């Protein structure tokens, strides 16, 4: 009875471990020019040239050797860009992305927020996304971290880390409000026309002459 319980417990533990194990994220080749060798255990297992079918790579133990041209791969939300002479390995599991650069041309990694991480040769960097930030930790060599606008640059050496936003900064929209001041139109003042009333013409009444009728005076006495 006890043995049966132990077997059941062991089965549950194995099943739970398998169910919750992090599956490595696939590596997607987004752009490519020139010739790229995919190397595993020191051997070239595939050579890609323009026009070839682009495979989706799930084996995180392979590395990319850029013979000529450029390549751009995406994994875990990060974009890795390399050019002629670069040799790098990239892997992602859960919220963490790791990039290792061998001797050769530097490799650039762009985060989701647009920050750039330029890795020198013989360097290793891990990037973990937590609580709205991406922590960039240099475990070997050095890297130069530049913000999305290119205005802030930091050199991070082995054993050091720096945190950057995990998402692009929200665009600020400025609305310009124009206040139109209306000028009051001058008020028309009613003009009252002054009418001059001239007095009526004076009527001159001719002076009345009283004419007394005089009696005729007789020259003779009565």
N, C-alpha and C. Protein backbone atom coordinates (compact mmCIF):
# COMPACT_ATOMS: atom_id res chain seq x y z
N UNK A 1 0.83 -1.22 0.00
CA UNK A 1 0.00 0.00 0.00
C UNK A 1 0.85 1.25 0.00
N UNK A 2 1.88 1.21 0.89
CA UNK A 2 2.77 2.37 0.95
C UNK A 2 3.54 2.52 -0.36
N UNK A 3 3.93 1.37 -0.94
CA UNK A 3 4.67 1.40 -2.20
C UNK A 3 3.83 2.02 -3.31
N UNK A 4 2.54 1.69 -3.33
CA UNK A 4 1.64 2.24 -4.35
C UNK A 4 1.53 3.75 -4.22
N UNK A 5 1.44 4.20 -2.96
CA UNK A 5 1.35 5.64 -2.76
C UNK A 5 2.62 6.34 -3.20
N UNK A 6 3.77 5.73 -2.95
CA UNK A 6 5.04 6.33 -3.37
C UNK A 6 5.13 6.41 -4.89
N UNK A 7 4.67 5.35 -5.57
CA UNK A 7 4.71 5.35 -7.04
C UNK A 7 3.80 6.43 -7.61
N UNK A 8 2.61 6.57 -7.00
CA UNK A 8 1.68 7.61 -7.47
C UNK A 8 2.28 8.99 -7.26
N UNK A 9 2.89 9.18 -6.09
CA UNK A 9 3.50 10.48 -5.80
C UNK A 9 4.63 10.77 -6.78
N UNK A 10 5.42 9.78 -7.09
CA UNK A 10 6.54 9.96 -8.03
C UNK A 10 6.02 10.29 -9.42
N UNK A 11 4.95 9.60 -9.83
CA UNK A 11 4.36 9.87 -11.14
C UNK A 11 3.83 11.30 -11.23
N UNK A 12 3.15 11.73 -10.17
CA UNK A 12 2.61 13.10 -10.16
C UNK A 12 3.73 14.11 -10.23
N UNK A 13 4.82 13.87 -9.51
CA UNK A 13 5.96 14.80 -9.52
C UNK A 13 6.58 14.89 -10.90
N UNK A 14 6.76 13.75 -11.55
CA UNK A 14 7.36 13.75 -12.90
C UNK A 14 6.44 14.44 -13.88
N UNK A 15 5.14 14.14 -13.80
CA UNK A 15 4.18 14.75 -14.71
C UNK A 15 4.12 16.27 -14.52
N UNK A 16 4.11 16.71 -13.26
CA UNK A 16 4.07 18.14 -12.98
C UNK A 16 5.32 18.83 -13.49
N UNK A 17 6.45 18.16 -13.29
CA UNK A 17 7.71 18.75 -13.77
C UNK A 17 7.71 18.89 -15.27
N UNK A 18 7.18 17.89 -15.97
CA UNK A 18 7.14 17.96 -17.43
C UNK A 18 6.16 19.01 -17.91
N UNK A 19 5.03 19.14 -17.21
CA UNK A 19 4.00 20.07 -17.65
C UNK A 19 4.45 21.51 -17.49
N UNK A 20 5.18 21.79 -16.42
CA UNK A 20 5.56 23.17 -16.15
C UNK A 20 6.97 23.50 -16.62
N UNK A 21 7.65 22.57 -17.28
CA UNK A 21 8.99 22.85 -17.80
C UNK A 21 8.87 23.91 -18.90
N UNK A 22 9.82 24.85 -18.89
CA UNK A 22 9.81 25.91 -19.88
C UNK A 22 10.31 25.37 -21.22
N UNK A 23 9.52 25.55 -22.24
CA UNK A 23 9.92 25.14 -23.59
C UNK A 23 10.69 26.27 -24.26
N UNK A 24 11.88 25.98 -24.78
CA UNK A 24 12.65 27.05 -25.44
C UNK A 24 11.85 27.65 -26.59
N UNK A 25 11.94 28.97 -26.70
CA UNK A 25 11.22 29.66 -27.77
C UNK A 25 11.93 29.46 -29.09
N UNK A 26 11.15 29.42 -30.16
CA UNK A 26 11.72 29.23 -31.49
C UNK A 26 12.46 30.49 -31.93
N UNK A 27 13.50 30.28 -32.72
CA UNK A 27 14.28 31.39 -33.27
C UNK A 27 13.79 31.62 -34.70
N UNK A 28 13.31 32.83 -34.95
CA UNK A 28 12.78 33.14 -36.28
C UNK A 28 13.75 34.05 -37.03
N UNK A 29 14.10 33.63 -38.23
CA UNK A 29 14.96 34.46 -39.08
C UNK A 29 14.06 35.42 -39.85
N UNK A 30 14.17 36.70 -39.56
CA UNK A 30 13.29 37.71 -40.15
C UNK A 30 13.83 38.24 -41.48
N UNK A 31 15.14 38.52 -41.51
CA UNK A 31 15.76 39.05 -42.73
C UNK A 31 17.13 38.42 -42.90
N UNK A 32 17.56 38.31 -44.15
CA UNK A 32 18.88 37.75 -44.40
C UNK A 32 19.39 38.19 -45.76
N UNK A 33 20.64 38.60 -45.80
CA UNK A 33 21.30 38.89 -47.07
C UNK A 33 22.66 38.19 -47.04
N UNK A 34 23.12 37.69 -48.15
CA UNK A 34 24.41 37.01 -48.16
C UNK A 34 24.31 35.57 -47.72
N UNK A 35 25.40 35.08 -47.12
CA UNK A 35 25.50 33.66 -46.76
C UNK A 35 25.65 33.52 -45.25
N UNK A 36 24.85 32.61 -44.69
CA UNK A 36 24.88 32.36 -43.24
C UNK A 36 25.02 30.85 -43.01
N UNK A 37 25.97 30.49 -42.15
CA UNK A 37 26.14 29.09 -41.77
C UNK A 37 25.51 28.87 -40.40
N UNK A 38 24.76 27.77 -40.27
CA UNK A 38 24.23 27.37 -38.98
C UNK A 38 25.10 26.22 -38.48
N UNK A 39 25.71 26.44 -37.32
CA UNK A 39 26.74 25.53 -36.82
C UNK A 39 26.27 24.86 -35.53
N UNK A 40 26.56 23.55 -35.41
CA UNK A 40 26.24 22.80 -34.18
C UNK A 40 27.44 21.90 -33.87
N UNK A 41 27.91 22.01 -32.65
CA UNK A 41 29.06 21.22 -32.19
C UNK A 41 30.26 21.40 -33.12
N UNK A 42 30.45 22.61 -33.60
CA UNK A 42 31.61 22.89 -34.44
C UNK A 42 31.45 22.49 -35.89
N UNK A 43 30.31 21.95 -36.26
CA UNK A 43 30.10 21.51 -37.64
C UNK A 43 28.96 22.31 -38.29
N UNK A 44 29.16 22.66 -39.56
CA UNK A 44 28.12 23.38 -40.30
C UNK A 44 27.03 22.39 -40.67
N UNK A 45 25.82 22.61 -40.14
CA UNK A 45 24.71 21.69 -40.43
C UNK A 45 23.79 22.25 -41.51
N UNK A 46 23.90 23.54 -41.79
CA UNK A 46 23.06 24.14 -42.82
C UNK A 46 23.69 25.45 -43.29
N UNK A 47 23.61 25.70 -44.57
CA UNK A 47 24.07 26.96 -45.15
C UNK A 47 22.88 27.63 -45.83
N UNK A 48 22.61 28.86 -45.43
CA UNK A 48 21.47 29.59 -45.98
C UNK A 48 21.96 30.71 -46.88
N UNK A 49 21.27 30.84 -48.02
CA UNK A 49 21.56 31.91 -48.97
C UNK A 49 20.25 32.57 -49.38
N UNK A 50 20.31 33.77 -49.93
CA UNK A 50 19.07 34.45 -50.36
C UNK A 50 18.27 33.57 -51.31
N UNK A 51 16.98 33.47 -51.07
CA UNK A 51 16.12 32.64 -51.90
C UNK A 51 15.86 31.27 -51.32
N UNK A 52 16.67 30.85 -50.32
CA UNK A 52 16.43 29.55 -49.69
C UNK A 52 15.22 29.62 -48.77
N UNK A 53 14.61 28.46 -48.53
CA UNK A 53 13.51 28.38 -47.56
C UNK A 53 14.08 28.66 -46.18
N UNK A 54 13.41 29.54 -45.44
CA UNK A 54 13.90 29.93 -44.12
C UNK A 54 13.30 29.00 -43.07
N UNK A 55 14.13 28.25 -42.36
CA UNK A 55 13.60 27.33 -41.35
C UNK A 55 13.32 28.06 -40.03
N UNK A 56 12.45 27.47 -39.22
CA UNK A 56 12.22 27.95 -37.86
C UNK A 56 13.06 27.08 -36.95
N UNK A 57 13.99 27.69 -36.25
CA UNK A 57 14.98 26.93 -35.49
C UNK A 57 14.55 26.83 -34.03
N UNK A 58 14.49 25.61 -33.52
CA UNK A 58 14.13 25.39 -32.12
C UNK A 58 15.31 24.86 -31.31
N UNK A 59 16.36 24.47 -31.96
CA UNK A 59 17.55 23.98 -31.27
C UNK A 59 18.39 25.18 -30.84
N UNK A 60 18.36 25.47 -29.54
CA UNK A 60 19.06 26.67 -29.06
C UNK A 60 20.56 26.45 -28.89
N UNK A 61 21.05 25.25 -29.21
CA UNK A 61 22.48 24.99 -29.09
C UNK A 61 23.24 25.36 -30.36
N UNK A 62 22.50 25.72 -31.41
CA UNK A 62 23.18 26.07 -32.66
C UNK A 62 23.65 27.52 -32.60
N UNK A 63 24.62 27.83 -33.43
CA UNK A 63 25.13 29.20 -33.53
C UNK A 63 25.06 29.65 -34.99
N UNK A 64 25.11 30.98 -35.15
CA UNK A 64 25.03 31.57 -36.49
C UNK A 64 26.39 32.18 -36.84
N UNK A 65 26.90 31.80 -37.99
CA UNK A 65 28.17 32.37 -38.48
C UNK A 65 27.87 33.12 -39.77
N UNK A 66 28.08 34.42 -39.77
CA UNK A 66 27.75 35.24 -40.94
C UNK A 66 28.97 35.30 -41.86
N UNK A 67 28.88 34.58 -42.97
CA UNK A 67 29.99 34.55 -43.93
C UNK A 67 30.08 35.89 -44.65
N UNK A 68 28.95 36.36 -45.13
CA UNK A 68 28.87 37.69 -45.73
C UNK A 68 27.43 38.17 -45.67
N UNK A 69 27.25 39.47 -45.73
CA UNK A 69 25.91 40.03 -45.65
C UNK A 69 25.47 40.26 -44.22
N UNK A 70 24.16 40.20 -43.99
CA UNK A 70 23.59 40.44 -42.66
C UNK A 70 22.48 39.44 -42.37
N UNK A 71 22.13 39.35 -41.08
CA UNK A 71 21.02 38.51 -40.67
C UNK A 71 20.30 39.20 -39.52
N UNK A 72 18.98 39.00 -39.45
CA UNK A 72 18.17 39.53 -38.36
C UNK A 72 17.26 38.42 -37.86
N UNK A 73 17.45 38.05 -36.59
CA UNK A 73 16.64 36.98 -36.01
C UNK A 73 15.85 37.55 -34.83
N UNK A 74 14.71 36.91 -34.54
CA UNK A 74 13.85 37.35 -33.45
C UNK A 74 13.58 36.18 -32.53
N UNK A 75 13.69 36.45 -31.23
CA UNK A 75 13.39 35.43 -30.24
C UNK A 75 13.02 36.11 -28.93
N UNK A 76 11.93 35.65 -28.32
CA UNK A 76 11.51 36.20 -27.03
C UNK A 76 11.25 37.68 -27.03
N UNK A 77 10.82 38.23 -28.17
CA UNK A 77 10.56 39.67 -28.25
C UNK A 77 11.78 40.52 -28.52
N UNK A 78 12.95 39.91 -28.58
CA UNK A 78 14.20 40.64 -28.85
C UNK A 78 14.61 40.39 -30.29
N UNK A 79 15.24 41.40 -30.90
CA UNK A 79 15.71 41.28 -32.28
C UNK A 79 17.23 41.37 -32.29
N UNK A 80 17.87 40.35 -32.86
CA UNK A 80 19.33 40.29 -32.93
C UNK A 80 19.76 40.54 -34.36
N UNK A 81 20.67 41.51 -34.53
CA UNK A 81 21.17 41.85 -35.87
C UNK A 81 22.68 41.64 -35.90
N UNK A 82 23.15 40.94 -36.92
CA UNK A 82 24.58 40.66 -37.05
C UNK A 82 25.00 40.85 -38.50
N UNK A 83 26.32 41.09 -38.69
CA UNK A 83 26.85 41.33 -40.03
C UNK A 83 28.04 40.42 -40.29
N UNK A 84 28.65 40.60 -41.45
CA UNK A 84 29.78 39.77 -41.87
C UNK A 84 30.83 39.64 -40.77
N UNK A 85 31.18 38.40 -40.46
CA UNK A 85 32.21 38.14 -39.45
C UNK A 85 31.66 37.88 -38.06
N UNK A 86 30.35 37.99 -37.89
CA UNK A 86 29.75 37.75 -36.57
C UNK A 86 29.52 36.26 -36.34
N UNK A 87 29.67 35.85 -35.09
CA UNK A 87 29.36 34.50 -34.66
C UNK A 87 28.62 34.60 -33.33
N UNK A 88 27.38 34.14 -33.28
CA UNK A 88 26.62 34.29 -32.05
C UNK A 88 25.66 33.12 -31.83
N UNK A 89 25.27 32.99 -30.56
CA UNK A 89 24.28 32.00 -30.16
C UNK A 89 23.19 32.73 -29.39
N UNK A 90 21.93 32.34 -29.63
CA UNK A 90 20.82 32.99 -28.94
C UNK A 90 19.84 31.92 -28.46
N UNK A 91 19.29 32.15 -27.26
CA UNK A 91 18.32 31.21 -26.70
C UNK A 91 17.33 31.97 -25.85
N UNK A 92 16.12 31.44 -25.74
CA UNK A 92 15.07 32.07 -24.93
C UNK A 92 14.27 31.00 -24.23
N UNK A 93 13.99 31.27 -22.96
CA UNK A 93 13.16 30.36 -22.18
C UNK A 93 12.35 31.19 -21.20
N UNK A 94 11.03 31.11 -21.35
CA UNK A 94 10.18 31.93 -20.49
C UNK A 94 10.38 33.41 -20.77
N UNK A 95 10.70 34.17 -19.73
CA UNK A 95 10.88 35.62 -19.88
C UNK A 95 12.35 36.00 -20.01
N UNK A 96 13.21 35.03 -20.22
CA UNK A 96 14.64 35.31 -20.30
C UNK A 96 15.21 34.98 -21.67
N UNK A 97 16.04 35.89 -22.17
CA UNK A 97 16.73 35.70 -23.45
C UNK A 97 18.23 35.84 -23.20
N UNK A 98 19.00 34.90 -23.74
CA UNK A 98 20.45 34.93 -23.57
C UNK A 98 21.12 34.99 -24.94
N UNK A 99 22.14 35.84 -25.04
CA UNK A 99 22.89 35.98 -26.30
C UNK A 99 24.37 35.89 -25.97
N UNK A 100 25.08 35.06 -26.73
CA UNK A 100 26.53 34.92 -26.56
C UNK A 100 27.20 35.22 -27.90
N UNK A 101 28.22 36.09 -27.85
CA UNK A 101 28.93 36.47 -29.07
C UNK A 101 30.36 35.96 -28.98
N UNK A 102 30.80 35.24 -30.01
CA UNK A 102 32.17 34.74 -30.06
C UNK A 102 33.07 35.81 -30.68
N UNK A 103 34.29 35.46 -30.95
CA UNK A 103 35.21 36.42 -31.57
C UNK A 103 34.69 36.83 -32.94
N UNK A 104 34.84 38.09 -33.25
CA UNK A 104 34.37 38.57 -34.54
C UNK A 104 33.67 39.91 -34.43
N UNK A 105 32.80 40.18 -35.36
CA UNK A 105 32.08 41.45 -35.44
C UNK A 105 31.04 41.57 -34.32
N UNK A 106 30.92 42.76 -33.70
CA UNK A 106 29.90 42.94 -32.65
C UNK A 106 28.49 42.65 -33.16
N UNK A 107 27.63 42.33 -32.22
CA UNK A 107 26.24 41.99 -32.51
C UNK A 107 25.34 42.95 -31.75
N UNK A 108 24.24 43.39 -32.38
CA UNK A 108 23.31 44.33 -31.74
C UNK A 108 22.01 43.60 -31.40
N UNK A 109 21.50 43.90 -30.20
CA UNK A 109 20.23 43.33 -29.74
C UNK A 109 19.29 44.49 -29.42
N UNK A 110 18.09 44.45 -29.97
CA UNK A 110 17.09 45.49 -29.70
C UNK A 110 15.98 44.90 -28.84
N UNK A 111 15.67 45.62 -27.74
CA UNK A 111 14.61 45.16 -26.84
C UNK A 111 13.24 45.63 -27.35
N UNK A 112 12.19 45.19 -26.65
CA UNK A 112 10.83 45.57 -27.05
C UNK A 112 10.61 47.07 -27.00
N UNK A 113 11.32 47.76 -26.10
CA UNK A 113 11.13 49.21 -25.95
C UNK A 113 11.98 50.02 -26.91
N UNK A 114 12.80 49.34 -27.72
CA UNK A 114 13.64 50.06 -28.68
C UNK A 114 15.04 50.33 -28.19
N UNK A 115 15.37 49.92 -26.96
CA UNK A 115 16.73 50.07 -26.46
C UNK A 115 17.67 49.12 -27.20
N UNK A 116 18.88 49.59 -27.47
CA UNK A 116 19.85 48.79 -28.20
C UNK A 116 20.98 48.34 -27.28
N UNK A 117 21.37 47.08 -27.44
CA UNK A 117 22.48 46.51 -26.69
C UNK A 117 23.51 46.03 -27.71
N UNK A 118 24.63 46.72 -27.79
CA UNK A 118 25.69 46.33 -28.72
C UNK A 118 26.71 45.50 -27.96
N UNK A 119 26.84 44.25 -28.35
CA UNK A 119 27.73 43.32 -27.65
C UNK A 119 29.05 43.19 -28.40
N UNK A 120 30.14 43.33 -27.66
CA UNK A 120 31.46 43.17 -28.27
C UNK A 120 31.77 41.68 -28.38
N UNK A 121 32.89 41.37 -29.03
CA UNK A 121 33.27 39.97 -29.18
C UNK A 121 33.59 39.34 -27.83
N UNK A 122 33.38 38.05 -27.75
CA UNK A 122 33.61 37.28 -26.52
C UNK A 122 32.82 37.84 -25.33
N UNK A 123 31.53 38.08 -25.54
CA UNK A 123 30.67 38.59 -24.46
C UNK A 123 29.38 37.79 -24.39
N UNK A 124 28.78 37.82 -23.21
CA UNK A 124 27.51 37.15 -23.00
C UNK A 124 26.58 38.05 -22.21
N UNK A 125 25.31 38.08 -22.60
CA UNK A 125 24.31 38.94 -21.96
C UNK A 125 23.03 38.15 -21.78
N UNK A 126 22.40 38.34 -20.63
CA UNK A 126 21.07 37.75 -20.41
C UNK A 126 20.11 38.88 -20.12
N UNK A 127 18.89 38.76 -20.63
CA UNK A 127 17.86 39.79 -20.47
C UNK A 127 16.61 39.15 -19.89
N UNK A 128 16.19 39.65 -18.72
CA UNK A 128 15.01 39.11 -18.04
C UNK A 128 13.95 40.19 -17.93
N UNK A 129 12.72 39.83 -18.29
CA UNK A 129 11.61 40.77 -18.25
C UNK A 129 10.78 40.55 -16.99
N UNK A 130 10.74 41.60 -16.13
CA UNK A 130 9.96 41.51 -14.90
C UNK A 130 9.42 42.89 -14.54
N UNK A 131 8.17 42.92 -14.10
CA UNK A 131 7.55 44.13 -13.56
C UNK A 131 7.73 45.38 -14.44
N UNK A 132 7.48 45.22 -15.70
CA UNK A 132 7.52 46.37 -16.60
C UNK A 132 8.90 46.83 -17.01
N UNK A 133 9.94 46.08 -16.65
CA UNK A 133 11.30 46.43 -17.06
C UNK A 133 12.02 45.20 -17.61
N UNK A 134 13.11 45.47 -18.32
CA UNK A 134 13.97 44.40 -18.80
C UNK A 134 15.34 44.63 -18.15
N UNK A 135 15.76 43.65 -17.36
CA UNK A 135 17.07 43.76 -16.72
C UNK A 135 18.12 43.12 -17.61
N UNK A 136 19.09 43.94 -18.01
CA UNK A 136 20.16 43.48 -18.90
C UNK A 136 21.39 43.21 -18.03
N UNK A 137 21.78 41.95 -17.97
CA UNK A 137 22.93 41.57 -17.14
C UNK A 137 24.05 41.04 -18.04
N UNK A 138 25.25 41.59 -17.85
CA UNK A 138 26.41 41.14 -18.63
C UNK A 138 27.16 40.12 -17.79
N UNK A 139 27.24 38.90 -18.29
CA UNK A 139 27.93 37.84 -17.56
C UNK A 139 29.36 37.65 -18.05
N UNK A 140 29.67 38.18 -19.22
CA UNK A 140 31.02 38.05 -19.76
C UNK A 140 31.27 39.19 -20.75
N UNK A 141 32.49 39.71 -20.74
CA UNK A 141 32.82 40.79 -21.67
C UNK A 141 32.15 42.10 -21.30
N UNK A 142 31.65 42.81 -22.29
CA UNK A 142 30.98 44.10 -22.05
C UNK A 142 29.97 44.37 -23.15
N UNK A 143 29.10 45.33 -22.86
CA UNK A 143 28.06 45.71 -23.82
C UNK A 143 27.78 47.20 -23.65
N UNK A 144 27.34 47.82 -24.73
CA UNK A 144 26.97 49.24 -24.70
C UNK A 144 25.47 49.33 -24.88
N UNK A 145 24.79 49.91 -23.89
CA UNK A 145 23.33 50.01 -23.90
C UNK A 145 22.94 51.45 -24.24
N UNK A 146 22.11 51.60 -25.26
CA UNK A 146 21.64 52.91 -25.69
C UNK A 146 20.12 52.94 -25.65
N UNK A 147 19.56 54.05 -25.17
CA UNK A 147 18.09 54.12 -25.10
C UNK A 147 17.49 54.29 -26.49
N UNK A 148 16.17 54.24 -26.55
CA UNK A 148 15.48 54.24 -27.85
C UNK A 148 15.76 55.49 -28.67
N UNK A 149 15.93 56.64 -28.01
CA UNK A 149 16.17 57.89 -28.74
C UNK A 149 17.63 58.08 -29.09
N UNK A 150 18.51 57.23 -28.52
CA UNK A 150 19.93 57.34 -28.80
C UNK A 150 20.62 58.42 -28.00
N UNK A 151 19.93 59.00 -27.04
CA UNK A 151 20.52 60.11 -26.29
C UNK A 151 21.25 59.70 -25.03
N UNK A 152 21.04 58.47 -24.54
CA UNK A 152 21.67 58.03 -23.30
C UNK A 152 22.39 56.72 -23.56
N UNK A 153 23.71 56.70 -23.33
CA UNK A 153 24.52 55.52 -23.60
C UNK A 153 25.28 55.11 -22.34
N UNK A 154 25.23 53.80 -22.04
CA UNK A 154 25.94 53.27 -20.87
C UNK A 154 26.75 52.05 -21.28
N UNK A 155 27.96 51.98 -20.75
CA UNK A 155 28.79 50.80 -20.97
C UNK A 155 28.66 49.89 -19.75
N UNK A 156 28.23 48.66 -19.98
CA UNK A 156 27.99 47.71 -18.89
C UNK A 156 29.03 46.59 -19.00
N UNK A 157 29.76 46.38 -17.94
CA UNK A 157 30.82 45.36 -17.92
C UNK A 157 30.34 44.10 -17.23
N UNK A 158 31.16 43.07 -17.30
CA UNK A 158 30.81 41.78 -16.69
C UNK A 158 30.51 41.95 -15.21
N UNK A 159 29.42 41.35 -14.76
CA UNK A 159 29.00 41.45 -13.37
C UNK A 159 28.08 42.62 -13.09
N UNK A 160 27.88 43.46 -14.09
CA UNK A 160 26.99 44.62 -13.92
C UNK A 160 25.69 44.40 -14.68
N UNK A 161 24.68 45.19 -14.32
CA UNK A 161 23.38 45.11 -14.98
C UNK A 161 22.74 46.48 -15.04
N UNK A 162 21.80 46.62 -15.92
CA UNK A 162 21.06 47.88 -16.06
C UNK A 162 19.62 47.53 -16.46
N UNK A 163 18.69 48.32 -15.97
CA UNK A 163 17.27 48.06 -16.27
C UNK A 163 16.76 49.09 -17.27
N UNK A 164 15.97 48.63 -18.23
CA UNK A 164 15.37 49.50 -19.23
C UNK A 164 13.88 49.18 -19.30
N UNK A 165 13.05 50.09 -19.81
CA UNK A 165 11.61 49.81 -19.92
C UNK A 165 11.35 48.60 -20.82
N UNK A 166 10.29 47.88 -20.52
CA UNK A 166 9.96 46.70 -21.32
C UNK A 166 9.02 47.02 -22.48
N UNK A 167 8.56 48.26 -22.54
CA UNK A 167 7.64 48.65 -23.62
C UNK A 167 7.98 50.07 -24.05
N UNK A 168 7.68 50.39 -25.30
CA UNK A 168 7.95 51.75 -25.78
C UNK A 168 7.22 52.78 -24.94
N UNK A 169 7.82 53.95 -24.81
CA UNK A 169 7.18 55.04 -24.07
C UNK A 169 5.93 55.48 -24.80
N UNK A 170 4.88 55.74 -24.04
CA UNK A 170 3.63 56.18 -24.66
C UNK A 170 3.81 57.53 -25.31
N UNK A 171 3.27 57.64 -26.50
CA UNK A 171 3.37 58.91 -27.22
C UNK A 171 2.49 59.95 -26.55
N UNK A 172 3.05 61.11 -26.38
CA UNK A 172 2.31 62.21 -25.76
C UNK A 172 1.74 63.09 -26.85
N UNK A 173 0.45 63.16 -26.87
CA UNK A 173 -0.22 63.98 -27.88
C UNK A 173 -0.55 65.34 -27.28
N UNK A 174 -0.02 66.36 -27.91
CA UNK A 174 -0.26 67.71 -27.42
C UNK A 174 -1.32 68.36 -28.28
N UNK A 175 -2.38 68.78 -27.64
CA UNK A 175 -3.46 69.43 -28.36
C UNK A 175 -3.36 70.92 -28.13
N UNK A 176 -3.21 71.63 -29.21
CA UNK A 176 -3.08 73.08 -29.12
C UNK A 176 -4.47 73.70 -29.20
N UNK A 177 -4.79 74.42 -28.17
CA UNK A 177 -6.10 75.07 -28.13
C UNK A 177 -5.93 76.52 -28.50
N UNK A 178 -6.63 76.92 -29.53
CA UNK A 178 -6.56 78.30 -29.97
C UNK A 178 -7.80 79.02 -29.50
N UNK A 179 -7.59 80.05 -28.72
CA UNK A 179 -8.71 80.83 -28.22
C UNK A 179 -8.92 82.01 -29.14
N UNK A 180 -10.07 82.04 -29.71
CA UNK A 180 -10.39 83.11 -30.64
C UNK A 180 -11.13 84.20 -29.89
N UNK A 181 -10.48 85.36 -29.86
CA UNK A 181 -11.10 86.49 -29.19
C UNK A 181 -11.87 87.29 -30.22
N UNK A 182 -13.15 87.32 -30.01
CA UNK A 182 -13.97 88.05 -30.95
C UNK A 182 -14.03 89.51 -30.54
N UNK A 183 -13.71 90.35 -31.48
CA UNK A 183 -13.76 91.78 -31.22
C UNK A 183 -15.17 92.26 -31.47
N UNK A 184 -15.69 92.87 -30.45
CA UNK A 184 -17.07 93.35 -30.58
C UNK A 184 -17.13 94.45 -31.62
N UNK A 185 -18.07 94.29 -32.49
CA UNK A 185 -18.23 95.30 -33.52
C UNK A 185 -18.79 96.57 -32.89
N UNK A 186 -18.31 97.67 -33.39
CA UNK A 186 -18.78 98.94 -32.80
C UNK A 186 -20.30 99.05 -32.93
N UNK A 187 -20.89 99.46 -31.85
CA UNK A 187 -22.35 99.60 -31.83
C UNK A 187 -22.74 100.87 -32.57
N UNK A 188 -23.66 100.65 -33.46
CA UNK A 188 -24.11 101.82 -34.22
C UNK A 188 -24.98 102.70 -33.33
N UNK A 189 -24.58 103.94 -33.26
CA UNK A 189 -25.33 104.90 -32.45
C UNK A 189 -26.38 105.55 -33.33
N UNK A 190 -27.56 105.44 -32.87
CA UNK A 190 -28.65 106.02 -33.66
C UNK A 190 -28.50 107.54 -33.67
N UNK A 191 -28.44 108.06 -34.84
CA UNK A 191 -28.29 109.51 -34.97
C UNK A 191 -29.68 110.10 -35.18
N UNK A 192 -30.05 110.94 -34.26
CA UNK A 192 -31.36 111.59 -34.36
C UNK A 192 -31.20 112.88 -35.13
N UNK A 193 -31.88 112.91 -36.21
CA UNK A 193 -31.76 114.12 -37.04
C UNK A 193 -32.54 115.26 -36.37
N UNK A 194 -31.80 116.30 -36.18
CA UNK A 194 -32.42 117.48 -35.55
C UNK A 194 -33.14 118.27 -36.61
N UNK A 195 -34.39 118.35 -36.44
CA UNK A 195 -35.20 119.12 -37.39
C UNK A 195 -35.42 120.50 -36.81
N UNK A 196 -34.95 121.46 -37.51
CA UNK A 196 -35.13 122.85 -37.06
C UNK A 196 -36.45 123.35 -37.60
N UNK A 197 -37.29 123.60 -36.71
CA UNK A 197 -38.60 124.14 -37.12
C UNK A 197 -38.51 125.65 -37.08
N UNK A 198 -38.57 126.17 -38.23
CA UNK A 198 -38.51 127.63 -38.31
C UNK A 198 -39.88 128.21 -37.97
N UNK A 199 -39.84 129.29 -37.28
CA UNK A 199 -41.13 129.93 -36.95
C UNK A 199 -41.85 130.35 -38.20
N UNK A 200 -43.14 130.30 -38.15
CA UNK A 200 -43.90 130.71 -39.35
C UNK A 200 -43.62 132.17 -39.68
N UNK A 201 -43.69 132.45 -40.91
CA UNK A 201 -43.42 133.87 -41.29
C UNK A 201 -44.37 134.82 -40.56
N UNK A 202 -43.76 135.86 -40.13
CA UNK A 202 -44.54 136.87 -39.39
C UNK A 202 -45.47 137.60 -40.34
N UNK A 203 -46.71 137.57 -39.97
CA UNK A 203 -47.70 138.28 -40.82
C UNK A 203 -47.87 139.69 -40.27
N UNK A 204 -47.53 140.57 -41.08
CA UNK A 204 -47.65 141.99 -40.65
C UNK A 204 -49.06 142.48 -40.89
N UNK A 205 -49.65 142.80 -39.81
CA UNK A 205 -51.04 143.32 -39.93
C UNK A 205 -50.91 144.81 -40.18
N UNK A 206 -51.38 145.27 -41.29
CA UNK A 206 -51.26 146.73 -41.56
C UNK A 206 -52.00 147.52 -40.49
N UNK A 207 -51.30 148.50 -40.13
CA UNK A 207 -51.86 149.37 -39.07
C UNK A 207 -53.20 149.92 -39.55
N UNK A 208 -54.14 149.77 -38.67
CA UNK A 208 -55.50 150.24 -39.02
C UNK A 208 -55.57 151.75 -38.81
N UNK A 209 -55.87 152.41 -39.84
CA UNK A 209 -56.03 153.87 -39.73
C UNK A 209 -57.50 154.21 -39.53
N UNK A 210 -57.66 154.91 -38.50
CA UNK A 210 -59.05 155.34 -38.22
C UNK A 210 -59.27 156.66 -38.93
N UNK A 211 -60.11 156.64 -39.81
CA UNK A 211 -60.41 157.86 -40.57
C UNK A 211 -61.71 158.42 -40.03
N UNK A 212 -61.55 159.49 -39.46
CA UNK A 212 -62.76 160.14 -38.96
C UNK A 212 -63.31 161.02 -40.06
N UNK A 213 -64.56 160.78 -40.26
CA UNK A 213 -65.21 161.59 -41.29
C UNK A 213 -65.48 162.97 -40.72
N UNK A 214 -64.88 163.84 -41.33
CA UNK A 214 -65.06 165.21 -40.79
C UNK A 214 -66.25 165.86 -41.50
N UNK A 215 -66.91 166.48 -40.67
CA UNK A 215 -68.06 167.17 -41.28
C UNK A 215 -67.61 168.36 -42.11
N UNK A 216 -68.36 168.60 -43.03
CA UNK A 216 -68.00 169.72 -43.91
C UNK A 216 -68.24 171.02 -43.15
N UNK A 217 -67.25 171.75 -43.08
CA UNK A 217 -67.36 172.99 -42.32
C UNK A 217 -67.88 174.08 -43.26
N UNK A 218 -68.96 174.60 -42.73
CA UNK A 218 -69.55 175.64 -43.56
C UNK A 218 -68.84 176.95 -43.25
N UNK A 219 -68.63 177.59 -44.20
CA UNK A 219 -67.97 178.88 -44.01
C UNK A 219 -68.94 179.93 -43.53
N UNK A 220 -70.18 179.58 -43.60
CA UNK A 220 -71.16 180.55 -43.15
C UNK A 220 -71.64 180.20 -41.78
N UNK A 221 -71.86 181.15 -41.03
CA UNK A 221 -72.38 180.94 -39.72
C UNK A 221 -73.85 180.65 -39.82
N UNK A 222 -74.32 179.90 -38.96
CA UNK A 222 -75.75 179.63 -38.96
C UNK A 222 -76.50 180.90 -38.65
